[in-house]
Amino acid sequence: MYTSDTEEKRCYHKCKSRFCPSCGYRATLRWLEEQEAALPDIPYAGIVLTMPREPTRYGVSVGIMVVPHTFGGDLKFNAHLHVLVSSGGLLESENRWMPRLQFNKN
């Protein structure tokens, strides 16, 4: 609600998009504050894993699952991630699953 001494205006934000300058920005800031509060106050390093361009070319959404492990099979400390990516994808425009996408493994 926007108010002044002479008038009052109600604005409803139903988009809920994180890119919306009105409601999405505030939600993003709130989310960042919550994440920072949950993390210990120590330095971090970012690691980025990039998907090949093929999902974009096909226009599909792929399934991704990341499983963190802290120990290896011999029960010694060995922090690592297992990343599984579906070999097919959801073509949302047609509401159907594309069973196989060709990825260049190189």
PDB file of N, CA and C in Angstrom:
ATOM      1  N   MET A   1       0.845  -1.160   0.000  1.00  0.00           N
ATOM      2  CA  MET A   1       0.000   0.000   0.000  1.00  0.00           C
ATOM      3  C   MET A   1       0.896   1.230   0.000  1.00  0.00           C
ATOM      4  N   TYR A   2       0.595   2.171  -0.897  1.00  0.00           N
ATOM      5  CA  TYR A   2       1.307   3.436  -0.962  1.00  0.00           C
ATOM      6  C   TYR A   2       0.374   4.521  -0.436  1.00  0.00           C
ATOM      7  N   THR A   3       0.863   5.308   0.511  1.00  0.00           N
ATOM      8  CA  THR A   3       0.024   6.354   1.090  1.00  0.00           C
ATOM      9  C   THR A   3       0.779   7.663   1.162  1.00  0.00           C
ATOM     10  N   SER A   4       0.024   8.728   1.120  1.00  0.00           N
ATOM     11  CA  SER A   4       0.561  10.062   1.347  1.00  0.00           C
ATOM     12  C   SER A   4      -0.426  10.793   2.247  1.00  0.00           C
ATOM     13  N   ASP A   5      -0.218  12.074   2.470  1.00  0.00           N
ATOM     14  CA  ASP A   5      -1.142  12.840   3.311  1.00  0.00           C
ATOM     15  C   ASP A   5      -2.514  12.985   2.661  1.00  0.00           C
ATOM     16  N   THR A   6      -2.565  12.905   1.323  1.00  0.00           N
ATOM     17  CA  THR A   6      -3.820  13.176   0.619  1.00  0.00           C
ATOM     18  C   THR A   6      -4.460  11.972  -0.053  1.00  0.00           C
ATOM     19  N   GLU A   7      -3.715  10.925  -0.298  1.00  0.00           N
ATOM     20  CA  GLU A   7      -4.321   9.772  -0.966  1.00  0.00           C
ATOM     21  C   GLU A   7      -3.703   8.451  -0.531  1.00  0.00           C
ATOM     22  N   GLU A   8      -4.378   7.389  -0.928  1.00  0.00           N
ATOM     23  CA  GLU A   8      -3.957   6.039  -0.590  1.00  0.00           C
ATOM     24  C   GLU A   8      -4.142   5.168  -1.823  1.00  0.00           C
ATOM     25  N   LYS A   9      -3.147   4.348  -2.148  1.00  0.00           N
ATOM     26  CA  LYS A   9      -3.225   3.497  -3.338  1.00  0.00           C
ATOM     27  C   LYS A   9      -2.794   2.084  -2.958  1.00  0.00           C
ATOM     28  N   ARG A  10      -3.613   1.106  -3.325  1.00  0.00           N
ATOM     29  CA  ARG A  10      -3.277  -0.301  -3.084  1.00  0.00           C
ATOM     30  C   ARG A  10      -2.735  -0.906  -4.377  1.00  0.00           C
ATOM     31  N   CYS A  11      -1.615  -1.594  -4.265  1.00  0.00           N
ATOM     32  CA  CYS A  11      -1.013  -2.267  -5.417  1.00  0.00           C
ATOM     33  C   CYS A  11      -0.821  -3.727  -5.042  1.00  0.00           C
ATOM     34  N   TYR A  12      -1.345  -4.607  -5.860  1.00  0.00           N
ATOM     35  CA  TYR A  12      -1.255  -6.041  -5.588  1.00  0.00           C
ATOM     36  C   TYR A  12      -0.206  -6.649  -6.509  1.00  0.00           C
ATOM     37  N   HIS A  13       0.723  -7.350  -5.897  1.00  0.00           N
ATOM     38  CA  HIS A  13       1.791  -8.002  -6.658  1.00  0.00           C
ATOM     39  C   HIS A  13       1.527  -9.502  -6.645  1.00  0.00           C
ATOM     40  N   LYS A  14       1.008 -10.020  -7.727  1.00  0.00           N
ATOM     41  CA  LYS A  14       0.683 -11.434  -7.798  1.00  0.00           C
ATOM     42  C   LYS A  14       1.693 -12.229  -8.612  1.00  0.00           C
ATOM     43  N   CYS A  15       2.637 -11.549  -9.213  1.00  0.00           N
ATOM     44  CA  CYS A  15       3.557 -12.261 -10.100  1.00  0.00           C
ATOM     45  C   CYS A  15       4.468 -13.217  -9.332  1.00  0.00           C
ATOM     46  N   LYS A  16       4.938 -12.817  -8.170  1.00  0.00           N
ATOM     47  CA  LYS A  16       5.849 -13.607  -7.336  1.00  0.00           C
ATOM     48  C   LYS A  16       7.124 -14.011  -8.064  1.00  0.00           C
ATOM     49  N   SER A  17       7.468 -13.276  -9.105  1.00  0.00           N
ATOM     50  CA  SER A  17       8.692 -13.555  -9.837  1.00  0.00           C
ATOM     51  C   SER A  17       9.873 -12.969  -9.079  1.00  0.00           C
ATOM     52  N   ARG A  18      10.972 -13.726  -9.022  1.00  0.00           N
ATOM     53  CA  ARG A  18      12.154 -13.196  -8.338  1.00  0.00           C
ATOM     54  C   ARG A  18      12.769 -12.047  -9.117  1.00  0.00           C
ATOM     55  N   PHE A  19      12.373 -11.877 -10.383  1.00  0.00           N
ATOM     56  CA  PHE A  19      12.907 -10.800 -11.202  1.00  0.00           C
ATOM     57  C   PHE A  19      12.065  -9.528 -11.113  1.00  0.00           C
ATOM     58  N   CYS A  20      10.921  -9.593 -10.469  1.00  0.00           N
ATOM     59  CA  CYS A  20      10.030  -8.441 -10.326  1.00  0.00           C
ATOM     60  C   CYS A  20      10.700  -7.397  -9.438  1.00  0.00           C
ATOM     61  N   PRO A  21      10.814  -6.139  -9.890  1.00  0.00           N
ATOM     62  CA  PRO A  21      11.467  -5.128  -9.070  1.00  0.00           C
ATOM     63  C   PRO A  21      10.689  -4.785  -7.809  1.00  0.00           C
ATOM     64  N   SER A  22       9.403  -5.095  -7.771  1.00  0.00           N
ATOM     65  CA  SER A  22       8.605  -4.752  -6.598  1.00  0.00           C
ATOM     66  C   SER A  22       8.630  -5.844  -5.544  1.00  0.00           C
ATOM     67  N   CYS A  23       8.184  -7.051  -5.911  1.00  0.00           N
ATOM     68  CA  CYS A  23       8.052  -8.091  -4.892  1.00  0.00           C
ATOM     69  C   CYS A  23       9.201  -9.100  -4.914  1.00  0.00           C
ATOM     70  N   GLY A  24       9.746  -9.381  -6.077  1.00  0.00           N
ATOM     71  CA  GLY A  24      10.805 -10.385  -6.170  1.00  0.00           C
ATOM     72  C   GLY A  24      12.094  -9.960  -5.513  1.00  0.00           C
ATOM     73  N   TYR A  25      12.427  -8.684  -5.608  1.00  0.00           N
ATOM     74  CA  TYR A  25      13.671  -8.198  -5.024  1.00  0.00           C
ATOM     75  C   TYR A  25      13.650  -8.338  -3.509  1.00  0.00           C
ATOM     76  N   ARG A  26      12.534  -7.970  -2.896  1.00  0.00           N
ATOM     77  CA  ARG A  26      12.415  -8.097  -1.437  1.00  0.00           C
ATOM     78  C   ARG A  26      12.504  -9.553  -1.012  1.00  0.00           C
ATOM     79  N   ALA A  27      11.849 -10.442  -1.774  1.00  0.00           N
ATOM     80  CA  ALA A  27      11.899 -11.872  -1.436  1.00  0.00           C
ATOM     81  C   ALA A  27      13.322 -12.400  -1.563  1.00  0.00           C
ATOM     82  N   THR A  28      14.051 -11.943  -2.576  1.00  0.00           N
ATOM     83  CA  THR A  28      15.437 -12.365  -2.760  1.00  0.00           C
ATOM     84  C   THR A  28      16.301 -11.892  -1.591  1.00  0.00           C
ATOM     85  N   LEU A  29      16.136 -10.633  -1.182  1.00  0.00           N
ATOM     86  CA  LEU A  29      16.906 -10.128  -0.045  1.00  0.00           C
ATOM     87  C   LEU A  29      16.601 -10.905   1.230  1.00  0.00           C
ATOM     88  N   ARG A  30      15.333 -11.208   1.451  1.00  0.00           N
ATOM     89  CA  ARG A  30      14.934 -11.968   2.638  1.00  0.00           C
ATOM     90  C   ARG A  30      15.568 -13.356   2.604  1.00  0.00           C
ATOM     91  N   TRP A  31      15.553 -14.006   1.433  1.00  0.00           N
ATOM     92  CA  TRP A  31      16.138 -15.335   1.295  1.00  0.00           C
ATOM     93  C   TRP A  31      17.640 -15.282   1.571  1.00  0.00           C
ATOM     94  N   LEU A  32      18.332 -14.274   1.033  1.00  0.00           N
ATOM     95  CA  LEU A  32      19.773 -14.138   1.272  1.00  0.00           C
ATOM     96  C   LEU A  32      20.071 -13.959   2.756  1.00  0.00           C
ATOM     97  N   GLU A  33      19.278 -13.140   3.434  1.00  0.00           N
ATOM     98  CA  GLU A  33      19.481 -12.942   4.868  1.00  0.00           C
ATOM     99  C   GLU A  33      19.310 -14.255   5.633  1.00  0.00           C
ATOM    100  N   GLU A  34      18.309 -15.042   5.267  1.00  0.00           N
ATOM    101  CA  GLU A  34      18.079 -16.328   5.932  1.00  0.00           C
ATOM    102  C   GLU A  34      19.246 -17.285   5.690  1.00  0.00           C
ATOM    103  N   GLN A  35      19.771 -17.307   4.464  1.00  0.00           N
ATOM    104  CA  GLN A  35      20.893 -18.193   4.153  1.00  0.00           C
ATOM    105  C   GLN A  35      22.142 -17.770   4.921  1.00  0.00           C
ATOM    106  N   GLU A  36      22.411 -16.466   4.949  1.00  0.00           N
ATOM    107  CA  GLU A  36      23.583 -15.979   5.671  1.00  0.00           C
ATOM    108  C   GLU A  36      23.478 -16.274   7.166  1.00  0.00           C
ATOM    109  N   ALA A  37      22.281 -16.181   7.722  1.00  0.00           N
ATOM    110  CA  ALA A  37      22.084 -16.461   9.148  1.00  0.00           C
ATOM    111  C   ALA A  37      22.297 -17.937   9.464  1.00  0.00           C
ATOM    112  N   ALA A  38      22.017 -18.819   8.502  1.00  0.00           N
ATOM    113  CA  ALA A  38      22.138 -20.257   8.734  1.00  0.00           C
ATOM    114  C   ALA A  38      23.581 -20.751   8.591  1.00  0.00           C
ATOM    115  N   LEU A  39      24.415 -20.005   7.883  1.00  0.00           N
ATOM    116  CA  LEU A  39      25.785 -20.453   7.631  1.00  0.00           C
ATOM    117  C   LEU A  39      26.746 -19.936   8.697  1.00  0.00           C
ATOM    118  N   PRO A  40      27.765 -20.714   9.031  1.00  0.00           N
ATOM    119  CA  PRO A  40      28.787 -20.217   9.958  1.00  0.00           C
ATOM    120  C   PRO A  40      29.540 -19.044   9.336  1.00  0.00           C
ATOM    121  N   ASP A  41      30.062 -18.164  10.145  1.00  0.00           N
ATOM    122  CA  ASP A  41      30.795 -16.990   9.678  1.00  0.00           C
ATOM    123  C   ASP A  41      32.236 -17.379   9.355  1.00  0.00           C
ATOM    124  N   ILE A  42      32.418 -18.039   8.215  1.00  0.00           N
ATOM    125  CA  ILE A  42      33.732 -18.490   7.752  1.00  0.00           C
ATOM    126  C   ILE A  42      33.836 -18.209   6.255  1.00  0.00           C
ATOM    127  N   PRO A  43      35.041 -18.184   5.703  1.00  0.00           N
ATOM    128  CA  PRO A  43      35.163 -17.952   4.255  1.00  0.00           C
ATOM    129  C   PRO A  43      34.692 -19.173   3.456  1.00  0.00           C
ATOM    130  N   TYR A  44      34.186 -18.925   2.260  1.00  0.00           N
ATOM    131  CA  TYR A  44      33.694 -19.978   1.370  1.00  0.00           C
ATOM    132  C   TYR A  44      34.314 -19.834  -0.003  1.00  0.00           C
ATOM    133  N   ALA A  45      34.341 -20.924  -0.737  1.00  0.00           N
ATOM    134  CA  ALA A  45      34.765 -20.912  -2.129  1.00  0.00           C
ATOM    135  C   ALA A  45      33.618 -21.473  -2.958  1.00  0.00           C
ATOM    136  N   GLY A  46      33.332 -20.858  -4.081  1.00  0.00           N
ATOM    137  CA  GLY A  46      32.244 -21.326  -4.938  1.00  0.00           C
ATOM    138  C   GLY A  46      32.750 -22.299  -5.990  1.00  0.00           C
ATOM    139  N   ILE A  47      31.958 -23.325  -6.261  1.00  0.00           N
ATOM    140  CA  ILE A  47      32.266 -24.300  -7.311  1.00  0.00           C
ATOM    141  C   ILE A  47      31.063 -24.338  -8.236  1.00  0.00           C
ATOM    142  N   VAL A  48      31.302 -24.185  -9.530  1.00  0.00           N
ATOM    143  CA  VAL A  48      30.211 -24.160 -10.493  1.00  0.00           C
ATOM    144  C   VAL A  48      30.353 -25.341 -11.453  1.00  0.00           C
ATOM    145  N   LEU A  49      29.294 -26.118 -11.590  1.00  0.00           N
ATOM    146  CA  LEU A  49      29.237 -27.190 -12.568  1.00  0.00           C
ATOM    147  C   LEU A  49      28.256 -26.737 -13.653  1.00  0.00           C
ATOM    148  N   THR A  50      28.700 -26.704 -14.888  1.00  0.00           N
ATOM    149  CA  THR A  50      27.870 -26.189 -15.968  1.00  0.00           C
ATOM    150  C   THR A  50      27.325 -27.324 -16.819  1.00  0.00           C
ATOM    151  N   MET A  51      26.035 -27.241 -17.122  1.00  0.00           N
ATOM    152  CA  MET A  51      25.403 -28.222 -18.014  1.00  0.00           C
ATOM    153  C   MET A  51      25.751 -27.880 -19.457  1.00  0.00           C
ATOM    154  N   PRO A  52      25.844 -28.880 -20.323  1.00  0.00           N
ATOM    155  CA  PRO A  52      26.075 -28.596 -21.737  1.00  0.00           C
ATOM    156  C   PRO A  52      24.904 -27.803 -22.324  1.00  0.00           C
ATOM    157  N   ARG A  53      25.123 -27.185 -23.476  1.00  0.00           N
ATOM    158  CA  ARG A  53      24.098 -26.357 -24.115  1.00  0.00           C
ATOM    159  C   ARG A  53      22.933 -27.155 -24.677  1.00  0.00           C
ATOM    160  N   GLU A  54      23.065 -28.465 -24.780  1.00  0.00           N
ATOM    161  CA  GLU A  54      22.021 -29.273 -25.407  1.00  0.00           C
ATOM    162  C   GLU A  54      20.638 -29.119 -24.770  1.00  0.00           C
ATOM    163  N   PRO A  55      20.496 -29.083 -23.395  1.00  0.00           N
ATOM    164  CA  PRO A  55      19.142 -28.899 -22.848  1.00  0.00           C
ATOM    165  C   PRO A  55      18.486 -27.608 -23.341  1.00  0.00           C
ATOM    166  N   THR A  56      19.303 -26.537 -23.479  1.00  0.00           N
ATOM    167  CA  THR A  56      18.757 -25.278 -23.986  1.00  0.00           C
ATOM    168  C   THR A  56      18.346 -25.431 -25.439  1.00  0.00           C
ATOM    169  N   ARG A  57      19.157 -26.108 -26.211  1.00  0.00           N
ATOM    170  CA  ARG A  57      18.841 -26.297 -27.627  1.00  0.00           C
ATOM    171  C   ARG A  57      17.544 -27.074 -27.794  1.00  0.00           C
ATOM    172  N   TYR A  58      17.331 -28.074 -26.960  1.00  0.00           N
ATOM    173  CA  TYR A  58      16.107 -28.872 -27.051  1.00  0.00           C
ATOM    174  C   TYR A  58      14.927 -28.188 -26.356  1.00  0.00           C
ATOM    175  N   GLY A  59      15.189 -27.187 -25.530  1.00  0.00           N
ATOM    176  CA  GLY A  59      14.121 -26.487 -24.827  1.00  0.00           C
ATOM    177  C   GLY A  59      13.480 -27.333 -23.735  1.00  0.00           C
ATOM    178  N   VAL A  60      14.266 -28.148 -23.059  1.00  0.00           N
ATOM    179  CA  VAL A  60      13.728 -29.048 -22.036  1.00  0.00           C
ATOM    180  C   VAL A  60      14.292 -28.695 -20.658  1.00  0.00           C
ATOM    181  N   SER A  61      13.614 -29.177 -19.625  1.00  0.00           N
ATOM    182  CA  SER A  61      14.115 -29.103 -18.251  1.00  0.00           C
ATOM    183  C   SER A  61      14.614 -30.485 -17.873  1.00  0.00           C
ATOM    184  N   VAL A  62      15.851 -30.554 -17.389  1.00  0.00           N
ATOM    185  CA  VAL A  62      16.412 -31.844 -17.006  1.00  0.00           C
ATOM    186  C   VAL A  62      16.326 -32.014 -15.492  1.00  0.00           C
ATOM    187  N   GLY A  63      16.353 -33.251 -15.043  1.00  0.00           N
ATOM    188  CA  GLY A  63      16.355 -33.549 -13.616  1.00  0.00           C
ATOM    189  C   GLY A  63      17.781 -33.644 -13.115  1.00  0.00           C
ATOM    190  N   ILE A  64      18.059 -33.000 -11.993  1.00  0.00           N
ATOM    191  CA  ILE A  64      19.402 -33.017 -11.412  1.00  0.00           C
ATOM    192  C   ILE A  64      19.290 -33.361  -9.931  1.00  0.00           C
ATOM    193  N   MET A  65      20.118 -34.314  -9.491  1.00  0.00           N
ATOM    194  CA  MET A  65      20.151 -34.682  -8.082  1.00  0.00           C
ATOM    195  C   MET A  65      21.609 -34.687  -7.624  1.00  0.00           C
ATOM    196  N   VAL A  66      21.878 -34.028  -6.518  1.00  0.00           N
ATOM    197  CA  VAL A  66      23.225 -33.971  -5.956  1.00  0.00           C
ATOM    198  C   VAL A  66      23.196 -34.628  -4.582  1.00  0.00           C
ATOM    199  N   VAL A  67      24.098 -35.589  -4.381  1.00  0.00           N
ATOM    200  CA  VAL A  67      24.176 -36.298  -3.109  1.00  0.00           C
ATOM    201  C   VAL A  67      25.564 -36.055  -2.509  1.00  0.00           C
ATOM    202  N   PRO A  68      25.636 -35.315  -1.402  1.00  0.00           N
ATOM    203  CA  PRO A  68      26.937 -35.103  -0.774  1.00  0.00           C
ATOM    204  C   PRO A  68      27.344 -36.301   0.080  1.00  0.00           C
ATOM    205  N   HIS A  69      28.605 -36.674  -0.032  1.00  0.00           N
ATOM    206  CA  HIS A  69      29.171 -37.744   0.805  1.00  0.00           C
ATOM    207  C   HIS A  69      30.387 -37.188   1.515  1.00  0.00           C
ATOM    208  N   THR A  70      30.589 -37.595   2.745  1.00  0.00           N
ATOM    209  CA  THR A  70      31.766 -37.142   3.486  1.00  0.00           C
ATOM    210  C   THR A  70      32.795 -38.243   3.691  1.00  0.00           C
ATOM    211  N   PHE A  71      32.413 -39.498   3.443  1.00  0.00           N
ATOM    212  CA  PHE A  71      33.340 -40.599   3.642  1.00  0.00           C
ATOM    213  C   PHE A  71      33.332 -41.513   2.431  1.00  0.00           C
ATOM    214  N   GLY A  72      34.450 -42.145   2.170  1.00  0.00           N
ATOM    215  CA  GLY A  72      34.535 -43.119   1.097  1.00  0.00           C
ATOM    216  C   GLY A  72      34.148 -44.500   1.590  1.00  0.00           C
ATOM    217  N   GLY A  73      34.286 -45.497   0.717  1.00  0.00           N
ATOM    218  CA  GLY A  73      33.934 -46.868   1.059  1.00  0.00           C
ATOM    219  C   GLY A  73      34.753 -47.437   2.196  1.00  0.00           C
ATOM    220  N   ASP A  74      35.972 -46.901   2.400  1.00  0.00           N
ATOM    221  CA  ASP A  74      36.833 -47.382   3.486  1.00  0.00           C
ATOM    222  C   ASP A  74      36.601 -46.606   4.792  1.00  0.00           C
ATOM    223  N   LEU A  75      35.558 -45.781   4.828  1.00  0.00           N
ATOM    224  CA  LEU A  75      35.154 -44.983   5.989  1.00  0.00           C
ATOM    225  C   LEU A  75      36.182 -43.944   6.411  1.00  0.00           C
ATOM    226  N   LYS A  76      37.099 -43.581   5.511  1.00  0.00           N
ATOM    227  CA  LYS A  76      38.018 -42.474   5.768  1.00  0.00           C
ATOM    228  C   LYS A  76      37.397 -41.208   5.182  1.00  0.00           C
ATOM    229  N   PHE A  77      37.729 -40.065   5.767  1.00  0.00           N
ATOM    230  CA  PHE A  77      37.161 -38.799   5.305  1.00  0.00           C
ATOM    231  C   PHE A  77      37.519 -38.573   3.843  1.00  0.00           C
ATOM    232  N   ASN A  78      36.509 -38.344   3.029  1.00  0.00           N
ATOM    233  CA  ASN A  78      36.694 -38.084   1.606  1.00  0.00           C
ATOM    234  C   ASN A  78      35.454 -37.331   1.112  1.00  0.00           C
ATOM    235  N   ALA A  79      35.443 -36.017   1.337  1.00  0.00           N
ATOM    236  CA  ALA A  79      34.276 -35.215   0.947  1.00  0.00           C
ATOM    237  C   ALA A  79      34.162 -35.175  -0.575  1.00  0.00           C
ATOM    238  N   HIS A  80      32.982 -35.531  -1.090  1.00  0.00           N
ATOM    239  CA  HIS A  80      32.762 -35.514  -2.532  1.00  0.00           C
ATOM    240  C   HIS A  80      31.258 -35.457  -2.827  1.00  0.00           C
ATOM    241  N   LEU A  81      30.918 -35.167  -4.064  1.00  0.00           N
ATOM    242  CA  LEU A  81      29.527 -35.077  -4.493  1.00  0.00           C
ATOM    243  C   LEU A  81      29.261 -36.072  -5.610  1.00  0.00           C
ATOM    244  N   HIS A  82      28.117 -36.701  -5.552  1.00  0.00           N
ATOM    245  CA  HIS A  82      27.631 -37.513  -6.658  1.00  0.00           C
ATOM    246  C   HIS A  82      26.566 -36.687  -7.350  1.00  0.00           C
ATOM    247  N   VAL A  83      26.717 -36.446  -8.651  1.00  0.00           N
ATOM    248  CA  VAL A  83      25.759 -35.640  -9.396  1.00  0.00           C
ATOM    249  C   VAL A  83      25.130 -36.523 -10.470  1.00  0.00           C
ATOM    250  N   LEU A  84      23.810 -36.651 -10.397  1.00  0.00           N
ATOM    251  CA  LEU A  84      23.064 -37.414 -11.394  1.00  0.00           C
ATOM    252  C   LEU A  84      22.230 -36.448 -12.221  1.00  0.00           C
ATOM    253  N   VAL A  85      22.296 -36.578 -13.549  1.00  0.00           N
ATOM    254  CA  VAL A  85      21.524 -35.735 -14.448  1.00  0.00           C
ATOM    255  C   VAL A  85      20.743 -36.643 -15.370  1.00  0.00           C
ATOM    256  N   SER A  86      19.466 -36.349 -15.539  1.00  0.00           N
ATOM    257  CA  SER A  86      18.643 -37.190 -16.411  1.00  0.00           C
ATOM    258  C   SER A  86      19.154 -37.122 -17.843  1.00  0.00           C
ATOM    259  N   SER A  87      19.090 -38.234 -18.559  1.00  0.00           N
ATOM    260  CA  SER A  87      19.522 -38.241 -19.951  1.00  0.00           C
ATOM    261  C   SER A  87      18.408 -37.788 -20.880  1.00  0.00           C
ATOM    262  N   GLY A  88      17.240 -37.546 -20.314  1.00  0.00           N
ATOM    263  CA  GLY A  88      16.117 -36.979 -21.056  1.00  0.00           C
ATOM    264  C   GLY A  88      15.685 -35.701 -20.376  1.00  0.00           C
ATOM    265  N   GLY A  89      14.599 -35.120 -20.891  1.00  0.00           N
ATOM    266  CA  GLY A  89      14.137 -33.880 -20.287  1.00  0.00           C
ATOM    267  C   GLY A  89      12.665 -33.643 -20.535  1.00  0.00           C
ATOM    268  N   LEU A  90      12.081 -32.784 -19.718  1.00  0.00           N
ATOM    269  CA  LEU A  90      10.672 -32.444 -19.838  1.00  0.00           C
ATOM    270  C   LEU A  90      10.513 -31.287 -20.806  1.00  0.00           C
ATOM    271  N   LEU A  91       9.792 -31.533 -21.894  1.00  0.00           N
ATOM    272  CA  LEU A  91       9.476 -30.495 -22.863  1.00  0.00           C
ATOM    273  C   LEU A  91       8.161 -29.867 -22.404  1.00  0.00           C
ATOM    274  N   GLU A  92       8.279 -28.794 -21.611  1.00  0.00           N
ATOM    275  CA  GLU A  92       7.113 -28.215 -20.943  1.00  0.00           C
ATOM    276  C   GLU A  92       6.097 -27.653 -21.930  1.00  0.00           C
ATOM    277  N   SER A  93       6.544 -27.131 -23.067  1.00  0.00           N
ATOM    278  CA  SER A  93       5.619 -26.546 -24.030  1.00  0.00           C
ATOM    279  C   SER A  93       4.637 -27.572 -24.578  1.00  0.00           C
ATOM    280  N   GLU A  94       5.049 -28.846 -24.612  1.00  0.00           N
ATOM    281  CA  GLU A  94       4.179 -29.915 -25.112  1.00  0.00           C
ATOM    282  C   GLU A  94       3.754 -30.877 -24.002  1.00  0.00           C
ATOM    283  N   ASN A  95       4.194 -30.607 -22.769  1.00  0.00           N
ATOM    284  CA  ASN A  95       3.877 -31.441 -21.614  1.00  0.00           C
ATOM    285  C   ASN A  95       4.209 -32.915 -21.865  1.00  0.00           C
ATOM    286  N   ARG A  96       5.415 -33.149 -22.370  1.00  0.00           N
ATOM    287  CA  ARG A  96       5.845 -34.533 -22.626  1.00  0.00           C
ATOM    288  C   ARG A  96       7.327 -34.679 -22.297  1.00  0.00           C
ATOM    289  N   TRP A  97       7.705 -35.915 -22.042  1.00  0.00           N
ATOM    290  CA  TRP A  97       9.081 -36.264 -21.705  1.00  0.00           C
ATOM    291  C   TRP A  97       9.830 -36.654 -22.963  1.00  0.00           C
ATOM    292  N   MET A  98      10.994 -36.035 -23.191  1.00  0.00           N
ATOM    293  CA  MET A  98      11.878 -36.459 -24.281  1.00  0.00           C
ATOM    294  C   MET A  98      12.838 -37.477 -23.669  1.00  0.00           C
ATOM    295  N   PRO A  99      12.746 -38.751 -24.085  1.00  0.00           N
ATOM    296  CA  PRO A  99      13.485 -39.807 -23.390  1.00  0.00           C
ATOM    297  C   PRO A  99      14.998 -39.760 -23.557  1.00  0.00           C
ATOM    298  N   ARG A 100      15.511 -39.168 -24.598  1.00  0.00           N
ATOM    299  CA  ARG A 100      16.954 -39.225 -24.817  1.00  0.00           C
ATOM    300  C   ARG A 100      17.444 -37.933 -25.438  1.00  0.00           C
ATOM    301  N   LEU A 101      18.429 -37.298 -24.815  1.00  0.00           N
ATOM    302  CA  LEU A 101      19.093 -36.127 -25.383  1.00  0.00           C
ATOM    303  C   LEU A 101      20.525 -36.519 -25.701  1.00  0.00           C
ATOM    304  N   GLN A 102      21.032 -36.036 -26.784  1.00  0.00           N
ATOM    305  CA  GLN A 102      22.408 -36.340 -27.164  1.00  0.00           C
ATOM    306  C   GLN A 102      23.335 -35.292 -26.565  1.00  0.00           C
ATOM    307  N   PHE A 103      24.214 -35.708 -25.661  1.00  0.00           N
ATOM    308  CA  PHE A 103      25.187 -34.817 -25.043  1.00  0.00           C
ATOM    309  C   PHE A 103      26.573 -35.115 -25.603  1.00  0.00           C
ATOM    310  N   ASN A 104      27.310 -34.076 -25.913  1.00  0.00           N
ATOM    311  CA  ASN A 104      28.701 -34.247 -26.317  1.00  0.00           C
ATOM    312  C   ASN A 104      29.525 -34.397 -25.052  1.00  0.00           C
ATOM    313  N   LYS A 105      30.036 -35.583 -24.775  1.00  0.00           N
ATOM    314  CA  LYS A 105      30.741 -35.863 -23.526  1.00  0.00           C
ATOM    315  C   LYS A 105      32.082 -35.166 -23.432  1.00  0.00           C
ATOM    316  N   ASN A 106      32.596 -34.670 -24.527  1.00  0.00           N
ATOM    317  CA  ASN A 106      33.874 -33.947 -24.490  1.00  0.00           C
ATOM    318  C   ASN A 106      33.672 -32.544 -23.953  1.00  0.00           C
TER     319      ASN A 106
END
